[in-house]
C-alpha atoms as a PDB file:
ATOM      1  CA  MET A   1      -0.086  -0.051  -0.073  1.00  0.00           C
ATOM      2  CA  SER A   2       1.342   3.520  -0.905  1.00  0.00           C
ATOM      3  CA  ILE A   3       0.759   6.668   0.315  1.00  0.00           C
ATOM      4  CA  ASP A   4      -1.284   9.613  -1.868  1.00  0.00           C
ATOM      5  CA  PRO A   5       1.512  11.648  -3.512  1.00  0.00           C
ATOM      6  CA  ASN A   6      -0.760  14.729  -2.958  1.00  0.00           C
ATOM      7  CA  ILE A   7      -0.636  14.009   0.706  1.00  0.00           C
ATOM      8  CA  LEU A   8       3.113  13.633   0.663  1.00  0.00           C
ATOM      9  CA  ILE A   9       3.343  17.076  -1.155  1.00  0.00           C
ATOM     10  CA  VAL A  10       1.094  18.786   1.251  1.00  0.00           C
ATOM     11  CA  ILE A  11       3.093  17.499   4.307  1.00  0.00           C
ATOM     12  CA  ALA A  12       6.388  18.312   2.498  1.00  0.00           C
ATOM     13  CA  VAL A  13       5.343  21.722   1.730  1.00  0.00           C
ATOM     14  CA  LEU A  14       4.050  22.439   5.323  1.00  0.00           C
ATOM     15  CA  VAL A  15       7.150  21.174   6.673  1.00  0.00           C
ATOM     16  CA  VAL A  16       9.391  23.523   4.465  1.00  0.00           C
ATOM     17  CA  LEU A  17       7.405  26.510   5.330  1.00  0.00           C
ATOM     18  CA  LEU A  18       7.436  25.846   9.047  1.00  0.00           C
ATOM     19  CA  ALA A  19      10.820  25.127   9.055  1.00  0.00           C
ATOM     20  CA  THR A  20      11.856  28.198   6.834  1.00  0.00           C
ATOM     21  CA  ALA A  21       9.827  30.308   9.407  1.00  0.00           C
ATOM     22  CA  SER A  22      11.862  28.769  12.216  1.00  0.00           C
ATOM     23  CA  LEU A  23      15.234  29.320  10.632  1.00  0.00           C
ATOM     24  CA  VAL A  24      14.490  33.017   9.956  1.00  0.00           C
ATOM     25  CA  ALA A  25      13.240  33.555  13.308  1.00  0.00           C
ATOM     26  CA  GLY A  26      16.475  31.895  14.680  1.00  0.00           C
ATOM     27  CA  TRP A  27      18.712  34.030  12.400  1.00  0.00           C
ATOM     28  CA  VAL A  28      16.997  37.101  13.794  1.00  0.00           C
ATOM     29  CA  ASN A  29      17.746  36.036  17.285  1.00  0.00           C
ATOM     30  CA  ARG A  30      21.285  34.773  16.141  1.00  0.00           C
ATOM     31  CA  SER A  31      20.460  31.324  17.589  1.00  0.00           C
ATOM     32  CA  TRP A  32      20.331  28.512  15.012  1.00  0.00           C
ATOM     33  CA  SER A  33      17.954  25.773  15.529  1.00  0.00           C
ATOM     34  CA  TRP A  34      19.367  22.363  14.319  1.00  0.00           C
ATOM     35  CA  PRO A  35      15.938  20.664  14.437  1.00  0.00           C
ATOM     36  CA  ALA A  36      14.343  23.071  12.190  1.00  0.00           C
ATOM     37  CA  PHE A  37      17.407  22.686   9.637  1.00  0.00           C
ATOM     38  CA  VAL A  38      16.831  18.855   9.787  1.00  0.00           C
ATOM     39  CA  ALA A  39      13.188  19.495   9.333  1.00  0.00           C
ATOM     40  CA  LEU A  40      13.920  21.723   6.114  1.00  0.00           C
ATOM     41  CA  SER A  41      16.345  19.228   4.689  1.00  0.00           C
ATOM     42  CA  MET A  42      13.817  16.062   5.203  1.00  0.00           C
ATOM     43  CA  GLY A  43      10.802  18.444   3.304  1.00  0.00           C
ATOM     44  CA  LEU A  44      13.203  19.157   0.676  1.00  0.00           C
ATOM     45  CA  VAL A  45      14.229  15.822   0.072  1.00  0.00           C
ATOM     46  CA  ILE A  46      10.730  14.311  -0.006  1.00  0.00           C
ATOM     47  CA  LEU A  47       9.846  17.187  -2.479  1.00  0.00           C
ATOM     48  CA  GLY A  48      12.916  15.945  -4.660  1.00  0.00           C
ATOM     49  CA  TYR A  49      11.791  12.212  -4.125  1.00  0.00           C
ATOM     50  CA  LEU A  50       8.454  13.152  -5.532  1.00  0.00           C
ATOM     51  CA  HIS A  51       9.681  15.389  -8.511  1.00  0.00           C
ATOM     52  CA  ILE A  52      12.157  12.657  -9.544  1.00  0.00           C
ATOM     53  CA  ALA A  53      10.413   9.140  -8.626  1.00  0.00           C
ATOM     54  CA  VAL A  54       6.756   9.576  -7.914  1.00  0.00           C
ATOM     55  CA  MET A  55       5.159  12.135 -10.137  1.00  0.00           C
ATOM     56  CA  PRO A  56       5.249  11.519 -13.884  1.00  0.00           C
ATOM     57  CA  GLY A  57       7.088  14.250 -15.640  1.00  0.00           C
ATOM     58  CA  GLY A  58       8.160  15.838 -12.443  1.00  0.00           C
ATOM     59  CA  LEU A  59       6.431  18.478 -10.213  1.00  0.00           C
ATOM     60  CA  ALA A  60       4.761  21.075 -12.235  1.00  0.00           C
ATOM     61  CA  PRO A  61       3.996  24.640 -10.617  1.00  0.00           C
ATOM     62  CA  ASP A  62       0.162  23.949 -10.380  1.00  0.00           C
ATOM     63  CA  ASP A  63       0.734  20.583  -8.614  1.00  0.00           C
ATOM     64  CA  VAL A  64       1.061  22.062  -5.311  1.00  0.00           C
ATOM     65  CA  PRO A  65      -2.375  24.023  -5.149  1.00  0.00           C
ATOM     66  CA  MET A  66      -3.958  21.150  -6.744  1.00  0.00           C
ATOM     67  CA  ALA A  67      -2.469  18.890  -3.920  1.00  0.00           C
ATOM     68  CA  PHE A  68      -4.081  21.158  -1.346  1.00  0.00           C
ATOM     69  CA  ILE A  69      -7.189  21.098  -2.899  1.00  0.00           C
ATOM     70  CA  HIS A  70      -7.394  17.657  -3.405  1.00  0.00           C
ATOM     71  CA  VAL A  71      -6.459  16.774   0.186  1.00  0.00           C
ATOM     72  CA  ALA A  72      -8.921  19.478   1.634  1.00  0.00           C
ATOM     73  CA  ALA A  73     -11.579  17.306  -0.494  1.00  0.00           C
ATOM     74  CA  LEU A  74     -10.330  14.040   1.067  1.00  0.00           C
ATOM     75  CA  VAL A  75     -10.583  15.584   4.278  1.00  0.00           C
ATOM     76  CA  LEU A  76     -14.101  17.426   3.989  1.00  0.00           C
ATOM     77  CA  ASN A  77     -15.576  14.323   1.989  1.00  0.00           C
END
């Protein structure tokens, strides 16, 4: 059984956004957050894996909003 690629896209994008916000906050306070750096790396690795191995033809720019819509429809249905 495989996980839906749209769910992975949503998880990876949210992890990357939250980790980036944490790294920027740490940069402002001059204290680096290693867990945020690891989370950012993991999110980017998941997105890279999806781009190279899972999605046929790679990720297109409109795949990310469509993934959020698909996951919202899964949750609301």
